[in-house]
Amino acid sequence: MELPLECWESIFSFLEHHCFFQPLSLVCNRFLSITNHLRHTLTITDQTLESLPRLLLRFPHLNTIVFRDFHGSLDSVLSQVSGLPLKSLDVSNQNRLPLLGLKQLGSKMRNLTELHCSNIGSLKDTDLIEIGNCFPFLEVVDISYPDHGCGFSPNGSLDSKSFLGVTDDGIHGLATTLRRLRKIDLSGNTFITDQALVSLSLNCLFLSEIGIRDCDFITQNGIALVLRKCGNLKSIFMNGIGIPSIDECFKDSFAHARSLCELYLSNSFISDELLYFVAEACLPLHKLVLSRCFGFTFDGIYILLSKYQSLTYLDLEGASFLTDDFMIELTKFLGNLTFINLSLCSKLTNSTFFNLTRNCPLLSTINMQRTNLGVEEFPTEIVVNPRVKSLHLAWNYSLNDECIKMAANICPSLEVLDVTNCSGITEEGVLAVLKSCLHIRCLEINRCNGIKNLEIDFELPKLEVLQAGGLGINDEALTLIGKRCFRLSHLNLEGCLNVTARGVEGVILNCKALKEMNLRWCNNVSLDIVSWMVLSRPSLRKVTLPCGSAPTVNQKNFFLRHGCLVCEG
């Protein structure tokens, strides 16, 4: 008996990402139709532009459009999607804001709730006012890090109006029109002041998240105002606080931020006294980021973590005072943690890694890059932690084969392993990890000088990403990788000097899902093979050529018509 359509849709909707729809769509016409209707997000690139009309017909329920690596006319493309019931639009990383296209979109569809305009060239106050007028129901706005480098006229002289960028007037205009605004990222808008925060706190009563990193003229008084006045504020992102000192009004303001769940501080001076104030505020914190902060000690972080034992996310990158003994004490409070970043804590060794996996049973991601892993022996008795999925251990020069073998035994469910620039690791250690951890999806072993080759003689059915730049991999090993890793989608071979066209052919023929391949500095690979690669593997979306190789304009356009962007090395 066949299942009803609604049942299949319910089952497929549990898939985390639409990329998992592709194999299902090949099963039968019914599954193809179901997955087409469940697809809600479309990423538009230079490669997809030609087929855009067909894609819009194929996916009738799109509500999110993202432009990525797009160099065409945004205005004309926005006119094509103006008939969609869009909820979210991302036009980030463009030379200018496509005002004409946005106005046309807004005239037909004013219910857009999310607009992302990060890294837009020459963003101005008038642009923000137009955004507010076109889309009055926006709830999420990202105007972070505008590119003031675009503020020059064609003759090379400075265009003062473009260079000025966004000011308090633009934020005020936006705040007065977007009454439903919940989230806004103002990071990198260097000309706004505390007055911008006053406008937001007075006009946007539903504001729950604000980003103000690298806003040089916003002071602690302005931040304190937001913490006091925005009763729904759940997340705040900031940096550069406390230089030269911490104001009393800033410390006291945390007692008023009753809804604050996520506190992101980085590159700031934060004293133990400030941490005591945060601890005494009894906030519903579950995310805490103190990345590359200084001025606090073990006593301050101990008190803070003892008060917030429900934390799920903790970032203490660069806390150089931390030792293995200190971490033994801190892990007593981290039983609910799912993510921790201890990178650049140079005194931490294998002992901390073991204590984290033993005392934090819910931990999923561990970042311990540029620490002292590999210096001490692992304990003879280990506790397996099947919840750990990602280990980021790059730039640990003392890390060796025995260490990563032990890490694999402790974390058998590992999906992501990054040991970039760990010169003590050899092929033996990597192969042992791959045999122990059958769920590995992403392996990053770039510039591990101890790995002379990588001859995989067993199946790796789940490996999708292999970053192997700078290794001594030869054609025979590369052909084996192609045969054993048939789900491979991203392959980085930058600087693999022993690779030739023969090895590349082995990957292209066997990896039917391959999307991206980086051959930069693979100087023994000829440009002549690129046409064959693109035509033989329709899934390819991006190829980076060896240095010194560049396709002609006609060749580049030919490859784009086949859906693949071919870049100079």
Protein backbone atom coordinates (compact mmCIF):
# COMPACT_ATOMS: atom_id res chain seq x y z
CA MET A 1 0.00 0.00 0.00
CA GLU A 2 1.39 3.42 -0.95
CA LEU A 3 1.77 6.10 1.71
CA PRO A 4 -0.31 9.27 1.21
CA LEU A 5 1.49 12.34 -0.11
CA GLU A 6 1.17 14.11 3.23
CA CYS A 7 3.02 11.29 5.02
CA TRP A 8 5.96 11.46 2.61
CA GLU A 9 6.11 15.24 2.99
CA SER A 10 6.13 14.87 6.77
CA ILE A 11 8.94 12.32 6.60
CA PHE A 12 11.08 14.36 4.19
CA SER A 13 10.61 17.53 6.25
CA PHE A 14 12.75 16.00 9.01
CA LEU A 15 15.83 16.30 6.77
CA GLU A 16 18.10 19.06 8.07
CA HIS A 17 19.02 20.64 4.73
CA HIS A 18 17.63 20.68 1.22
CA CYS A 19 20.91 19.19 -0.08
CA PHE A 20 19.60 15.83 1.16
CA PHE A 21 16.68 16.10 -1.26
CA GLN A 22 18.86 15.46 -4.30
CA PRO A 23 19.28 11.67 -3.94
CA LEU A 24 15.58 11.35 -3.06
CA SER A 25 14.56 13.27 -6.17
CA LEU A 26 16.27 10.60 -8.32
CA VAL A 27 14.21 7.73 -6.91
CA CYS A 28 10.96 8.40 -8.76
CA ASN A 29 8.82 11.18 -10.20
CA ARG A 30 6.68 11.29 -7.07
CA PHE A 31 9.69 11.92 -4.82
CA LEU A 32 10.95 14.54 -7.28
CA SER A 33 7.65 16.39 -7.06
CA ILE A 34 7.59 16.19 -3.24
CA THR A 35 11.15 17.47 -2.81
CA ASN A 36 10.51 20.28 -5.30
CA HIS A 37 7.56 21.47 -3.22
CA LEU A 38 9.51 21.21 0.06
CA ARG A 39 12.43 23.30 -1.19
CA HIS A 40 12.19 26.78 0.37
CA THR A 41 15.68 28.24 -0.20
CA LEU A 42 17.46 29.06 -3.45
CA THR A 43 21.05 30.29 -3.72
CA ILE A 44 21.66 32.31 -6.88
CA THR A 45 25.19 32.39 -8.29
CA ASP A 46 26.69 33.29 -11.65
CA GLN A 47 26.33 29.63 -12.62
CA THR A 48 22.60 29.43 -11.87
CA LEU A 49 21.59 32.69 -13.54
CA GLU A 50 20.91 31.20 -16.98
CA SER A 51 18.64 28.49 -15.58
CA LEU A 52 16.89 30.77 -13.06
CA PRO A 53 13.49 30.89 -14.85
CA ARG A 54 13.36 27.06 -14.90
CA LEU A 55 14.39 26.87 -11.23
CA LEU A 56 11.64 29.28 -10.21
CA LEU A 57 9.08 27.10 -11.98
CA ARG A 58 10.53 23.93 -10.50
CA PHE A 59 10.44 25.16 -6.88
CA PRO A 60 7.04 26.85 -6.41
CA HIS A 61 7.29 27.36 -2.64
CA LEU A 62 10.53 29.33 -2.38
CA ASN A 63 10.54 31.92 0.42
CA THR A 64 14.28 32.56 0.83
CA ILE A 65 16.66 33.88 -1.84
CA VAL A 66 20.42 34.14 -1.25
CA PHE A 67 22.87 35.76 -3.68
CA ARG A 68 26.37 34.28 -3.41
CA ASP A 69 29.41 34.84 -5.65
CA PHE A 70 27.09 36.80 -7.91
CA HIS A 71 28.52 39.44 -10.24
CA GLY A 72 25.57 40.19 -12.52
CA SER A 73 22.80 42.77 -12.31
CA LEU A 74 20.94 42.29 -9.05
CA ASP A 75 18.22 44.73 -10.10
CA SER A 76 17.16 42.62 -13.08
CA VAL A 77 17.22 39.36 -11.10
CA LEU A 78 15.17 40.85 -8.26
CA SER A 79 12.50 41.74 -10.79
CA GLN A 80 12.32 38.05 -11.75
CA VAL A 81 11.74 36.93 -8.15
CA SER A 82 9.34 39.74 -7.26
CA GLY A 83 6.38 37.42 -7.68
CA LEU A 84 7.54 35.03 -4.96
CA PRO A 85 6.13 35.16 -1.41
CA LEU A 86 9.61 35.89 -0.02
CA LYS A 87 10.29 36.01 3.70
CA SER A 88 14.08 36.36 3.57
CA LEU A 89 16.49 37.98 1.10
CA ASP A 90 20.30 38.09 1.23
CA VAL A 91 22.08 40.56 -1.10
CA SER A 92 25.34 40.73 0.88
CA ASN A 93 28.82 41.27 -0.59
CA GLN A 94 27.77 43.53 -3.45
CA ASN A 95 29.41 46.72 -4.73
CA ARG A 96 26.20 48.64 -4.14
CA LEU A 97 22.73 48.17 -2.74
CA PRO A 98 20.32 47.22 -5.58
CA LEU A 99 17.80 49.94 -4.71
CA LEU A 100 15.94 49.76 -8.02
CA GLY A 101 15.34 46.03 -7.64
CA LEU A 102 14.41 46.38 -3.97
CA LYS A 103 11.88 49.10 -4.77
CA GLN A 104 10.30 46.92 -7.45
CA LEU A 105 10.24 43.98 -5.02
CA GLY A 106 8.73 46.13 -2.28
CA SER A 107 6.00 47.47 -4.59
CA LYS A 108 4.71 43.93 -5.21
CA MET A 109 5.57 42.20 -1.96
CA ARG A 110 5.92 44.11 1.32
CA ASN A 111 5.82 41.15 3.68
CA LEU A 112 9.57 40.49 3.66
CA THR A 113 10.72 39.84 7.24
CA GLU A 114 14.50 39.33 6.81
CA LEU A 115 16.98 41.40 4.80
CA HIS A 116 20.73 40.77 4.86
CA CYS A 117 22.94 43.50 3.38
CA SER A 118 26.34 42.77 4.93
CA ASN A 119 29.49 44.08 3.22
CA ILE A 120 27.64 46.39 0.84
CA GLY A 121 29.68 49.07 -0.91
CA SER A 122 28.93 52.74 -0.15
CA LEU A 123 25.90 52.05 2.09
CA LYS A 124 24.29 55.38 3.05
CA ASP A 125 21.55 56.80 5.28
CA THR A 126 19.24 57.25 2.29
CA ASP A 127 19.59 53.53 1.52
CA LEU A 128 18.34 52.62 4.99
CA ILE A 129 15.39 54.98 4.72
CA GLU A 130 14.43 53.39 1.38
CA ILE A 131 14.71 49.92 2.93
CA GLY A 132 12.31 50.96 5.70
CA ASN A 133 9.84 52.43 3.21
CA CYS A 134 9.95 49.38 0.91
CA PHE A 135 9.68 46.72 3.62
CA PRO A 136 7.93 48.10 6.73
CA PHE A 137 7.40 44.63 8.22
CA LEU A 138 11.08 43.68 8.44
CA GLU A 139 12.00 41.89 11.66
CA VAL A 140 15.65 41.00 10.93
CA VAL A 141 18.14 43.43 9.33
CA ASP A 142 21.88 42.92 8.77
CA ILE A 143 23.80 46.00 7.58
CA SER A 144 27.12 44.97 9.11
CA TYR A 145 30.56 45.91 7.86
CA PRO A 146 29.75 48.13 4.86
CA ASP A 147 32.63 48.44 2.40
CA HIS A 148 33.77 52.06 2.52
CA GLY A 149 36.50 51.17 0.04
CA CYS A 150 33.86 51.55 -2.65
CA GLY A 151 33.43 55.24 -1.80
CA PHE A 152 35.55 56.51 -4.66
CA SER A 153 34.51 58.17 -7.88
CA PRO A 154 35.50 56.69 -11.29
CA ASN A 155 38.50 59.05 -11.56
CA GLY A 156 39.90 57.76 -8.26
CA SER A 157 39.03 60.77 -6.10
CA LEU A 158 37.26 60.36 -2.76
CA ASP A 159 33.48 60.61 -2.88
CA SER A 160 32.85 62.17 0.53
CA LYS A 161 29.12 61.42 0.52
CA SER A 162 29.66 57.71 -0.15
CA PHE A 163 32.59 57.50 2.20
CA LEU A 164 30.67 58.87 5.17
CA GLY A 165 28.47 55.81 5.25
CA VAL A 166 25.67 55.16 7.72
CA THR A 167 25.13 57.65 10.55
CA ASP A 168 22.68 58.05 13.43
CA ASP A 169 20.19 59.70 11.06
CA GLY A 170 19.98 56.56 8.93
CA ILE A 171 19.46 54.31 11.95
CA HIS A 172 16.79 56.68 13.27
CA GLY A 173 14.97 56.58 9.93
CA LEU A 174 15.11 52.80 9.93
CA ALA A 175 13.99 52.50 13.56
CA THR A 176 10.96 54.77 13.11
CA THR A 177 9.64 52.73 10.17
CA LEU A 178 10.47 49.18 11.35
CA ARG A 179 8.31 48.90 14.45
CA ARG A 180 8.46 45.10 14.38
CA LEU A 181 12.26 44.92 14.29
CA ARG A 182 13.61 42.07 16.45
CA LYS A 183 17.22 41.66 15.31
CA ILE A 184 19.73 44.11 13.83
CA ASP A 185 23.46 43.88 13.21
CA LEU A 186 25.16 47.28 13.10
CA SER A 187 28.72 45.93 13.40
CA GLY A 188 31.38 47.80 11.45
CA ASN A 189 29.33 50.98 10.98
CA THR A 190 32.02 53.17 12.42
CA PHE A 191 30.17 56.50 12.29
CA ILE A 192 27.15 55.66 14.45
CA THR A 193 27.05 56.76 18.08
CA ASP A 194 25.01 56.12 21.21
CA GLN A 195 22.19 58.13 19.63
CA ALA A 196 21.57 55.23 17.22
CA LEU A 197 20.98 52.95 20.21
CA VAL A 198 18.63 55.52 21.73
CA SER A 199 16.54 55.50 18.53
CA LEU A 200 16.36 51.71 18.49
CA SER A 201 15.47 51.39 22.17
CA LEU A 202 12.70 53.99 21.90
CA ASN A 203 11.12 52.82 18.65
CA CYS A 204 11.75 49.06 18.38
CA LEU A 205 10.01 47.62 21.41
CA PHE A 206 10.43 44.02 20.24
CA LEU A 207 14.22 44.27 19.83
CA SER A 208 15.75 41.00 21.04
CA GLU A 209 19.19 40.92 19.35
CA ILE A 210 21.73 43.60 18.47
CA GLY A 211 25.27 43.46 17.09
CA ILE A 212 27.56 46.45 17.70
CA ARG A 213 31.06 45.08 17.13
CA ASP A 214 33.65 47.52 15.78
CA CYS A 215 31.41 50.56 16.25
CA ASP A 216 34.06 52.99 17.47
CA PHE A 217 31.80 55.78 18.70
CA ILE A 218 29.38 53.65 20.68
CA THR A 219 30.25 53.91 24.36
CA GLN A 220 29.50 51.91 27.47
CA ASN A 221 26.78 54.43 28.31
CA GLY A 222 24.97 53.59 25.07
CA ILE A 223 25.25 49.85 25.67
CA ALA A 224 24.03 50.30 29.24
CA LEU A 225 20.99 52.17 27.90
CA VAL A 226 20.08 49.26 25.62
CA LEU A 227 20.51 46.72 28.43
CA ARG A 228 18.26 48.79 30.69
CA LYS A 229 15.57 49.90 28.22
CA CYS A 230 15.14 46.89 25.89
CA GLY A 231 13.18 44.50 28.05
CA ASN A 232 13.06 41.80 25.35
CA LEU A 233 16.81 41.84 24.64
CA LYS A 234 18.11 38.27 24.50
CA SER A 235 21.42 38.61 22.63
CA ILE A 236 24.09 41.30 22.37
CA PHE A 237 27.32 41.15 20.35
CA MET A 238 30.07 43.64 21.23
CA ASN A 239 33.83 44.07 21.45
CA GLY A 240 36.46 46.58 22.56
CA ILE A 241 34.73 47.15 25.91
CA GLY A 242 36.57 48.36 29.02
CA ILE A 243 39.36 50.25 27.32
CA PRO A 244 40.70 52.16 29.22
CA SER A 245 38.28 51.27 32.05
CA ILE A 246 34.84 49.88 32.82
CA ASP A 247 32.15 52.39 33.78
CA GLU A 248 29.95 51.80 36.80
CA CYS A 249 26.79 52.34 34.75
CA PHE A 250 27.84 49.52 32.41
CA LYS A 251 28.43 47.06 35.25
CA ASP A 252 25.12 47.92 36.94
CA SER A 253 23.12 47.59 33.71
CA PHE A 254 23.29 43.78 33.62
CA ALA A 255 20.95 43.60 36.61
CA HIS A 256 18.24 45.12 34.37
CA ALA A 257 18.77 42.78 31.37
CA ARG A 258 16.39 40.14 32.69
CA SER A 259 15.92 38.38 29.33
CA LEU A 260 19.59 38.24 28.27
CA CYS A 261 20.42 34.69 27.12
CA GLU A 262 23.48 35.27 24.93
CA LEU A 263 26.39 37.56 25.85
CA TYR A 264 29.09 37.95 23.21
CA LEU A 265 32.19 39.87 24.28
CA SER A 266 35.49 39.77 22.42
CA ASN A 267 38.78 41.66 22.43
CA SER A 268 37.73 43.49 25.57
CA PHE A 269 39.12 44.35 28.99
CA ILE A 270 36.83 42.62 31.47
CA SER A 271 37.80 42.65 35.12
CA ASP A 272 36.80 40.06 37.70
CA GLU A 273 34.52 42.73 39.16
CA LEU A 274 32.54 42.89 35.91
CA LEU A 275 32.17 39.10 35.91
CA TYR A 276 30.92 39.29 39.51
CA PHE A 277 28.23 41.78 38.45
CA VAL A 278 27.13 39.50 35.60
CA ALA A 279 27.07 36.55 38.01
CA GLU A 280 24.95 38.42 40.54
CA ALA A 281 22.47 39.51 37.86
CA CYS A 282 21.10 35.94 37.67
CA LEU A 283 20.47 36.11 33.94
CA PRO A 284 19.00 33.22 31.88
CA LEU A 285 22.39 32.86 30.13
CA HIS A 286 23.07 29.84 27.95
CA LYS A 287 25.74 31.33 25.63
CA LEU A 288 28.85 33.16 26.85
CA VAL A 289 31.67 34.41 24.60
CA LEU A 290 34.76 36.00 26.16
CA SER A 291 36.99 35.44 23.14
CA ARG A 292 40.44 37.09 23.34
CA CYS A 293 39.44 39.11 26.38
CA PHE A 294 41.95 40.09 29.04
CA GLY A 295 42.02 41.57 32.54
CA PHE A 296 40.12 38.77 34.29
CA THR A 297 41.48 35.82 36.27
CA PHE A 298 40.50 32.32 37.28
CA ASP A 299 38.63 33.68 40.32
CA GLY A 300 36.32 35.77 38.14
CA ILE A 301 35.48 33.05 35.62
CA TYR A 302 35.08 30.50 38.45
CA ILE A 303 32.43 32.60 40.18
CA LEU A 304 30.66 33.31 36.89
CA LEU A 305 30.51 29.68 35.73
CA SER A 306 29.43 28.46 39.16
CA LYS A 307 26.36 30.73 38.83
CA TYR A 308 25.54 29.69 35.26
CA GLN A 309 25.77 25.92 35.21
CA SER A 310 23.10 25.75 32.49
CA LEU A 311 25.48 27.19 29.89
CA THR A 312 25.46 25.29 26.60
CA TYR A 313 28.01 27.43 24.70
CA LEU A 314 31.30 28.73 26.13
CA ASP A 315 34.11 30.56 24.32
CA LEU A 316 37.25 31.33 26.34
CA GLU A 317 39.66 31.65 23.41
CA GLY A 318 42.93 33.28 24.43
CA ALA A 319 42.45 32.91 28.21
CA SER A 320 46.18 32.24 28.62
CA PHE A 321 46.02 31.89 32.42
CA LEU A 322 44.01 28.67 32.18
CA THR A 323 45.85 25.50 33.19
CA ASP A 324 44.82 21.85 33.30
CA ASP A 325 44.26 22.13 37.06
CA PHE A 326 42.03 25.17 36.61
CA MET A 327 40.01 23.35 33.96
CA ILE A 328 39.46 20.41 36.31
CA GLU A 329 37.70 22.86 38.64
CA LEU A 330 35.72 24.58 35.89
CA THR A 331 34.41 21.39 34.25
CA LYS A 332 32.44 20.71 37.44
CA PHE A 333 30.05 23.45 36.28
CA LEU A 334 29.90 22.54 32.58
CA GLY A 335 27.65 19.50 32.58
CA ASN A 336 25.21 21.02 30.07
CA LEU A 337 27.82 22.32 27.65
CA THR A 338 27.50 21.37 23.96
CA PHE A 339 30.22 23.72 22.56
CA ILE A 340 33.53 24.93 23.98
CA ASN A 341 36.35 26.97 22.47
CA LEU A 342 39.70 26.93 24.30
CA SER A 343 41.90 27.83 21.35
CA LEU A 344 45.04 29.88 22.13
CA CYS A 345 45.02 28.65 25.74
CA SER A 346 48.63 27.60 25.47
CA LYS A 347 48.94 25.88 28.87
CA LEU A 348 46.26 23.28 28.22
CA THR A 349 47.29 19.72 27.40
CA ASN A 350 45.76 16.27 26.86
CA SER A 351 44.53 16.33 30.46
CA THR A 352 42.01 19.09 29.69
CA PHE A 353 40.76 17.27 26.60
CA PHE A 354 40.16 14.12 28.66
CA ASN A 355 38.39 16.02 31.45
CA LEU A 356 36.10 17.75 28.98
CA THR A 357 35.01 14.52 27.31
CA ARG A 358 34.53 12.83 30.69
CA ASN A 359 32.77 15.60 32.65
CA CYS A 360 30.73 17.18 29.84
CA PRO A 361 28.51 14.34 28.58
CA LEU A 362 26.53 16.58 26.17
CA LEU A 363 29.57 18.15 24.50
CA SER A 364 29.36 18.12 20.70
CA THR A 365 32.15 20.49 19.56
CA ILE A 366 35.61 21.02 21.04
CA ASN A 367 37.94 23.74 19.73
CA MET A 368 41.48 23.45 21.10
CA GLN A 369 43.59 25.02 18.34
CA ARG A 370 47.05 26.37 19.16
CA THR A 371 47.11 24.83 22.64
CA ASN A 372 49.64 22.34 24.05
CA LEU A 373 47.85 19.14 23.08
CA GLY A 374 50.14 16.15 22.77
CA VAL A 375 52.50 17.09 25.59
CA GLU A 376 51.12 14.80 28.34
CA GLU A 377 50.09 11.16 28.27
CA PHE A 378 46.43 10.24 28.14
CA PRO A 379 45.14 8.41 31.23
CA THR A 380 45.04 4.62 30.96
CA GLU A 381 41.30 4.54 31.74
CA ILE A 382 39.18 6.52 29.33
CA VAL A 383 35.49 7.38 29.21
CA VAL A 384 33.86 7.16 25.79
CA ASN A 385 31.80 10.20 24.81
CA PRO A 386 29.56 9.35 21.82
CA ARG A 387 28.10 12.89 21.70
CA VAL A 388 31.28 14.59 20.45
CA LYS A 389 30.92 15.24 16.71
CA SER A 390 33.56 17.91 15.93
CA LEU A 391 37.20 18.28 16.98
CA HIS A 392 39.14 21.36 15.86
CA LEU A 393 42.76 20.74 16.90
CA ALA A 394 44.74 22.65 14.27
CA TRP A 395 48.22 24.12 14.85
CA ASN A 396 49.15 21.79 17.72
CA TYR A 397 52.73 20.94 16.87
CA SER A 398 53.09 18.34 19.66
CA LEU A 399 50.00 16.42 18.57
CA ASN A 400 51.00 12.96 17.31
CA ASP A 401 49.49 9.72 16.03
CA GLU A 402 48.95 8.22 19.47
CA CYS A 403 47.03 11.30 20.60
CA ILE A 404 44.60 11.35 17.70
CA LYS A 405 44.14 7.56 17.92
CA MET A 406 43.14 7.99 21.56
CA ALA A 407 40.88 10.91 20.67
CA ALA A 408 39.17 8.69 18.09
CA ASN A 409 38.62 5.98 20.71
CA ILE A 410 37.09 8.51 23.09
CA CYS A 411 34.92 10.10 20.36
CA PRO A 412 33.73 7.23 18.13
CA SER A 413 30.89 9.32 16.62
CA LEU A 414 33.27 11.94 15.25
CA GLU A 415 32.08 13.66 12.04
CA VAL A 416 34.51 16.59 11.71
CA LEU A 417 38.26 16.49 12.42
CA ASP A 418 40.61 19.42 11.77
CA VAL A 419 44.31 18.80 12.44
CA THR A 420 45.66 21.38 9.98
CA ASN A 421 49.35 22.18 10.46
CA CYS A 422 49.91 19.43 13.03
CA SER A 423 53.34 18.31 11.85
CA GLY A 424 53.60 15.36 14.28
CA ILE A 425 50.74 13.46 12.63
CA THR A 426 51.47 10.86 9.94
CA GLU A 427 49.45 8.78 7.53
CA GLU A 428 49.27 5.99 10.12
CA GLY A 429 47.40 8.17 12.62
CA VAL A 430 44.96 9.56 10.05
CA LEU A 431 44.08 6.11 8.69
CA ALA A 432 43.55 4.81 12.22
CA VAL A 433 41.10 7.62 12.93
CA LEU A 434 39.21 6.96 9.69
CA LYS A 435 38.90 3.27 10.55
CA SER A 436 37.64 4.00 14.08
CA CYS A 437 35.28 6.86 13.25
CA LEU A 438 32.97 5.57 10.54
CA HIS A 439 30.85 8.75 10.48
CA ILE A 440 33.60 11.16 9.40
CA ARG A 441 32.15 13.73 6.96
CA CYS A 442 34.92 16.34 6.97
CA LEU A 443 38.66 15.76 7.33
CA GLU A 444 41.10 18.69 7.32
CA ILE A 445 44.78 17.69 7.17
CA ASN A 446 46.21 20.66 5.27
CA ARG A 447 49.97 21.10 5.61
CA CYS A 448 50.48 18.17 7.97
CA ASN A 449 54.12 17.71 6.96
CA GLY A 450 54.31 14.27 8.55
CA ILE A 451 51.80 12.90 6.03
CA LYS A 452 53.82 11.93 2.96
CA ASN A 453 50.94 10.15 1.21
CA LEU A 454 47.41 8.93 1.97
CA GLU A 455 46.62 5.51 0.57
CA ILE A 456 43.08 4.67 1.66
CA ASP A 457 42.32 0.98 1.06
CA PHE A 458 38.89 0.84 2.75
CA GLU A 459 35.49 2.41 2.10
CA LEU A 460 34.66 5.88 3.49
CA PRO A 461 31.01 6.14 2.47
CA LYS A 462 30.27 9.33 4.45
CA LEU A 463 33.34 11.48 3.73
CA GLU A 464 32.19 14.61 1.90
CA VAL A 465 34.97 17.15 2.49
CA LEU A 466 38.71 16.44 2.27
CA GLN A 467 41.13 19.31 2.85
CA ALA A 468 44.54 17.88 1.94
CA GLY A 469 46.49 20.91 0.74
CA GLY A 470 50.28 20.79 0.80
CA LEU A 471 50.57 17.00 1.16
CA GLY A 472 52.72 14.60 -0.84
CA ILE A 473 49.69 12.80 -2.28
CA ASN A 474 50.44 11.14 -5.65
CA ASP A 475 48.21 9.97 -8.49
CA GLU A 476 47.83 6.43 -7.16
CA ALA A 477 46.68 7.65 -3.74
CA LEU A 478 44.35 10.21 -5.30
CA THR A 479 42.73 7.57 -7.50
CA LEU A 480 42.20 5.40 -4.40
CA ILE A 481 40.59 8.36 -2.62
CA GLY A 482 38.21 8.73 -5.57
CA LYS A 483 37.23 5.05 -5.43
CA ARG A 484 36.84 4.84 -1.63
CA CYS A 485 35.18 8.23 -1.02
CA PHE A 486 32.38 8.18 -3.57
CA ARG A 487 30.32 10.83 -1.71
CA LEU A 488 33.15 13.37 -1.82
CA SER A 489 31.81 16.84 -2.70
CA HIS A 490 34.71 19.18 -1.80
CA LEU A 491 38.39 18.37 -2.42
CA ASN A 492 41.28 20.73 -1.70
CA LEU A 493 44.62 19.70 -3.24
CA GLU A 494 46.31 23.11 -3.11
CA GLY A 495 50.07 22.68 -3.28
CA CYS A 496 50.01 18.91 -3.90
CA LEU A 497 52.95 18.93 -6.30
CA ASN A 498 52.90 15.19 -7.04
CA VAL A 499 49.39 15.26 -8.48
CA THR A 500 48.98 15.15 -12.28
CA ALA A 501 46.03 14.91 -14.66
CA ARG A 502 45.92 11.14 -14.14
CA GLY A 503 45.10 11.49 -10.45
CA VAL A 504 42.51 14.17 -11.15
CA GLU A 505 40.84 11.86 -13.67
CA GLY A 506 40.56 9.16 -11.00
CA VAL A 507 38.60 11.51 -8.74
CA ILE A 508 36.38 12.93 -11.49
CA LEU A 509 35.39 9.47 -12.73
CA ASN A 510 34.51 8.06 -9.32
CA CYS A 511 33.16 10.96 -7.23
CA LYS A 512 29.74 11.56 -8.75
CA ALA A 513 28.76 14.20 -6.17
CA LEU A 514 31.91 16.31 -6.53
CA LYS A 515 31.10 20.05 -6.45
CA GLU A 516 34.37 21.86 -5.77
CA MET A 517 38.02 21.07 -6.51
CA ASN A 518 41.00 23.28 -5.68
CA LEU A 519 44.13 22.66 -7.79
CA ARG A 520 46.01 25.86 -6.95
CA TRP A 521 49.78 25.28 -7.03
CA CYS A 522 49.28 21.80 -8.53
CA ASN A 523 51.67 22.79 -11.27
CA ASN A 524 51.82 19.33 -12.86
CA VAL A 525 48.13 19.49 -13.76
CA SER A 526 47.54 20.93 -17.24
CA LEU A 527 44.79 23.39 -18.13
CA ASP A 528 43.87 21.08 -21.00
CA ILE A 529 42.02 18.72 -18.64
CA VAL A 530 39.53 21.33 -17.37
CA SER A 531 37.07 21.01 -20.26
CA TRP A 532 36.97 17.26 -19.79
CA MET A 533 36.42 17.70 -16.02
CA VAL A 534 33.45 20.03 -16.47
CA LEU A 535 31.81 17.93 -19.18
CA SER A 536 32.47 14.59 -17.46
CA ARG A 537 31.21 15.58 -14.00
CA PRO A 538 27.98 17.64 -14.25
CA SER A 539 27.89 18.13 -10.47
CA LEU A 540 31.01 20.35 -10.55
CA ARG A 541 30.28 23.91 -9.50
CA LYS A 542 33.74 25.38 -8.92
CA VAL A 543 37.27 24.53 -10.05
CA THR A 544 40.34 26.52 -9.01
CA LEU A 545 43.13 26.14 -11.55
CA PRO A 546 46.87 25.73 -10.97
CA CYS A 547 48.80 28.99 -10.66
CA GLY A 548 49.66 30.53 -13.99
CA SER A 549 46.62 28.99 -15.66
CA ALA A 550 43.71 31.19 -16.63
CA PRO A 551 40.71 30.45 -18.86
CA THR A 552 39.84 32.88 -21.64
CA VAL A 553 36.60 34.84 -21.44
CA ASN A 554 34.98 32.50 -23.95
CA GLN A 555 36.15 29.44 -22.02
CA LYS A 556 34.90 30.87 -18.73
CA ASN A 557 31.49 31.60 -20.22
CA PHE A 558 31.38 28.12 -21.75
CA PHE A 559 32.06 26.55 -18.36
CA LEU A 560 29.44 28.79 -16.71
CA ARG A 561 26.85 27.58 -19.19
CA HIS A 562 27.59 24.10 -17.87
CA GLY A 563 27.11 25.30 -14.29
CA CYS A 564 30.79 25.50 -13.27
CA LEU A 565 32.82 28.55 -12.22
CA VAL A 566 36.47 28.10 -13.23
CA CYS A 567 38.81 30.43 -11.30
CA GLU A 568 42.43 31.44 -11.78
CA GLY A 569 44.88 29.86 -9.38
